[in-house]
Structure formats: C-alpha cells, structure tokens
Amino acid sequence: MPNVEKLVEKFRQKLQIDQEIEKYKEETVNPLVDRVFNINFIGVFSNLADEINNKIGIKIINIQPEGKSRFVVQGQHHRIYFQKSKVDISPEGIASTHVIPIYIWKGVTKHLGPITFFINVNSQEVKWNIPFESPENYSEILFSKLVEDEDFFM
C-alpha cells in the first residue's frame, strides 16, 4: 500500500515552492521585464518613428502596442509584429525572454531572427542578444530596409 501521507507532504512542499516562485515572478520579475520591453525596446521604435514623423511632417510610420506583450510597426503593405514570449528565470536570478518579430508583406509571413534579452534581477543589468548589437541599431536598420523596399509605403 502506498504511503499517501508522504506523497501528500511532497505535493504540499512542491505547491508551496511553486507559489513562492510565482509570487516572486509576478511581483518582481515580470514588472522588470515589462519595463525593459516597453521602454528599452518598444520605446526605441516609438522614439525613432516619432522623430522621423516629426521631421517629415506626416505620420509615415505607425507603431501600435497590442496588449502587454506585443506591438506592431504597420504600413500599407508591411506589418511587423513583435511578440514577447513568457519569462524564464535561471537559478542564478537571470530573467530572460524572447521577442519574436513576424514580418508580413502583402500577405506573405516571414519570421525574422528572434531577439532575446537577459536581466539580472538583483542588479537590473540588461544584456541583449539582438542583431546589430542594440535596439537602437536594430530599429534604424529595420526602418532603413523597409524604406529601401520598392513596395514600401507607410
């Protein structure tokens, strides 16, 4: 006959640990990750788009947030969705998440290379694993490639 009491105790301990981890994730890690995603990533795209739009005098680049984990750069023929994945936490206290860019051009979907950022939860240091080394360079090169496309119109 199985020892049910030992199994129940193991499940209780596991449940308690899971609840503590989930509380830590919800109260500490996720707000930090959301802040980096919104300010250090979406904010870079928005600032560059605003500056371009202001200098041209019309809203040629449209950036729209869609919930807490997604935004879109949109034009007449082009859309690029940036979707943030779930947050993973290493035992060393490093939070990581992926941002998946999905490029849609005239109905054709193409996945661009994923972007990952890592945050040391204690020091709040952010490291990017991103093409072109930084969100600023990435957004500039991405906009440049869009405008060089002969079908580009925002």
Protein backbone atom coordinates (compact mmCIF):
# COMPACT_ATOMS: atom_id res chain seq x y z
CA MET A 1 0.00 0.00 0.00
CA PRO A 2 1.46 3.39 -0.94
CA ASN A 3 2.31 5.84 1.78
CA VAL A 4 -0.21 8.55 0.91
CA GLU A 5 0.89 10.89 3.71
CA LYS A 6 4.44 11.12 2.32
CA LEU A 7 3.09 11.81 -1.15
CA VAL A 8 0.71 14.46 0.16
CA GLU A 9 3.59 16.16 2.01
CA LYS A 10 5.75 16.15 -1.14
CA PHE A 11 2.93 17.69 -3.13
CA ARG A 12 2.36 20.35 -0.44
CA GLN A 13 6.05 21.28 -0.46
CA LYS A 14 6.10 21.45 -4.25
CA LEU A 15 2.95 23.56 -4.29
CA GLN A 16 4.40 25.96 -1.71
CA ILE A 17 7.63 26.35 -3.67
CA ASP A 18 5.69 26.89 -6.91
CA GLN A 19 3.51 29.52 -5.24
CA GLU A 20 6.57 31.35 -3.88
CA ILE A 21 8.25 31.30 -7.29
CA GLU A 22 5.07 32.50 -9.00
CA LYS A 23 4.66 35.33 -6.46
CA TYR A 24 8.30 36.39 -6.97
CA LYS A 25 7.83 36.25 -10.73
CA GLU A 26 4.58 38.27 -10.65
CA GLU A 27 5.73 40.90 -8.14
CA THR A 28 9.40 41.33 -9.06
CA VAL A 29 10.48 39.76 -12.32
CA ASN A 30 7.56 40.38 -14.69
CA PRO A 31 7.31 44.13 -13.94
CA LEU A 32 11.04 44.44 -14.57
CA VAL A 33 10.82 42.52 -17.86
CA ASP A 34 7.76 44.53 -18.92
CA ARG A 35 9.59 47.78 -18.19
CA VAL A 36 12.58 46.74 -20.31
CA PHE A 37 10.30 45.58 -23.14
CA ASN A 38 8.21 48.77 -23.07
CA ILE A 39 10.96 51.34 -22.51
CA ASN A 40 14.13 49.80 -23.91
CA PHE A 41 12.54 48.08 -26.90
CA ILE A 42 9.13 49.49 -27.87
CA GLY A 43 10.25 52.92 -26.67
CA VAL A 44 13.23 52.87 -29.03
CA PHE A 45 10.97 52.12 -32.01
CA SER A 46 8.42 54.75 -30.93
CA ASN A 47 11.04 57.44 -30.38
CA LEU A 48 12.65 56.81 -33.77
CA ALA A 49 9.26 56.72 -35.52
CA ASP A 50 8.16 59.95 -33.78
CA GLU A 51 11.38 61.71 -34.75
CA ILE A 52 11.05 60.61 -38.40
CA ASN A 53 7.35 61.53 -38.50
CA ASN A 54 8.05 64.97 -36.98
CA LYS A 55 10.87 65.75 -39.41
CA ILE A 56 8.80 64.64 -42.43
CA GLY A 57 5.68 66.39 -41.15
CA ILE A 58 3.28 63.45 -41.52
CA LYS A 59 2.71 60.17 -39.71
CA ILE A 60 4.55 57.87 -42.10
CA ILE A 61 5.45 55.22 -39.52
CA ASN A 62 2.74 53.83 -37.29
CA ILE A 63 3.63 51.96 -34.08
CA GLN A 64 0.77 50.38 -32.13
CA PRO A 65 1.01 48.45 -28.86
CA GLU A 66 -1.30 45.44 -28.69
CA GLY A 67 -1.59 44.41 -25.08
CA LYS A 68 1.31 43.91 -22.68
CA SER A 69 3.41 41.62 -24.83
CA ARG A 70 3.02 42.70 -28.44
CA PHE A 71 3.34 45.70 -30.73
CA VAL A 72 3.22 46.29 -34.46
CA VAL A 73 5.04 48.53 -36.94
CA GLN A 74 2.48 48.99 -39.67
CA GLY A 75 2.24 50.45 -43.16
CA GLN A 76 0.15 49.99 -46.28
CA HIS A 77 1.91 46.80 -47.38
CA HIS A 78 4.13 45.97 -44.41
CA ARG A 79 3.46 44.87 -40.87
CA ILE A 80 5.99 43.66 -38.37
CA TYR A 81 4.61 42.15 -35.20
CA PHE A 82 6.91 41.87 -32.20
CA GLN A 83 5.64 39.26 -29.75
CA LYS A 84 7.24 38.83 -26.32
CA SER A 85 7.36 35.26 -25.00
CA LYS A 86 6.98 34.03 -21.45
CA VAL A 87 9.70 34.86 -18.95
CA ASP A 88 12.18 32.23 -17.81
CA ILE A 89 14.22 32.59 -14.61
CA SER A 90 17.51 30.81 -14.07
CA PRO A 91 18.61 29.61 -10.62
CA GLU A 92 21.20 32.42 -10.71
CA GLY A 93 18.45 35.08 -10.82
CA ILE A 94 18.72 35.90 -14.52
CA ALA A 95 15.38 36.52 -16.22
CA SER A 96 15.20 36.03 -19.97
CA THR A 97 12.57 36.43 -22.61
CA HIS A 98 12.41 36.22 -26.37
CA VAL A 99 10.88 38.74 -28.74
CA ILE A 100 9.76 37.15 -31.97
CA PRO A 101 9.45 39.51 -34.94
CA ILE A 102 6.98 38.39 -37.60
CA TYR A 103 7.16 40.30 -40.87
CA ILE A 104 4.07 40.38 -43.08
CA TRP A 105 4.41 41.82 -46.55
CA LYS A 106 1.44 41.73 -48.94
CA GLY A 107 0.04 38.71 -47.14
CA VAL A 108 3.31 36.74 -47.00
CA THR A 109 4.55 35.95 -43.49
CA LYS A 110 8.23 35.64 -42.66
CA HIS A 111 9.78 35.07 -39.24
CA LEU A 112 12.76 37.33 -38.63
CA GLY A 113 15.53 36.27 -36.27
CA PRO A 114 14.50 36.15 -32.60
CA ILE A 115 15.66 38.73 -30.12
CA THR A 116 16.48 37.79 -26.54
CA PHE A 117 17.18 39.96 -23.56
CA PHE A 118 18.51 38.92 -20.19
CA ILE A 119 18.05 40.83 -16.94
CA ASN A 120 19.99 40.26 -13.77
CA VAL A 121 17.11 40.70 -11.34
CA ASN A 122 19.37 41.84 -8.48
CA SER A 123 21.46 44.43 -10.37
CA GLN A 124 18.81 45.10 -13.07
CA GLU A 125 21.57 44.92 -15.69
CA VAL A 126 20.18 44.19 -19.16
CA LYS A 127 22.02 42.29 -21.88
CA TRP A 128 20.70 41.92 -25.41
CA ASN A 129 21.15 39.09 -27.85
CA ILE A 130 19.95 41.07 -30.83
CA PRO A 131 21.01 41.51 -34.46
CA PHE A 132 23.04 44.70 -34.92
CA GLU A 133 24.04 44.84 -31.22
CA SER A 134 21.38 47.17 -29.75
CA PRO A 135 17.69 48.01 -30.05
CA GLU A 136 18.65 51.43 -31.41
CA ASN A 137 20.76 49.98 -34.24
CA TYR A 138 18.21 47.24 -34.88
CA SER A 139 15.30 49.69 -35.26
CA GLU A 140 17.33 52.01 -37.50
CA ILE A 141 18.43 49.19 -39.81
CA LEU A 142 14.93 47.68 -39.86
CA PHE A 143 13.34 51.02 -40.86
CA SER A 144 16.10 51.52 -43.43
CA LYS A 145 15.43 48.12 -45.01
CA LEU A 146 11.70 48.86 -45.14
CA VAL A 147 12.16 52.21 -46.86
CA GLU A 148 14.60 50.69 -49.41
CA ASP A 149 11.92 48.18 -50.45
CA GLU A 150 10.32 49.37 -53.70
CA ASP A 151 6.86 48.44 -52.39
CA PHE A 152 7.35 50.28 -49.11
CA PHE A 153 4.65 52.75 -48.16
CA MET A 154 3.73 53.50 -44.58
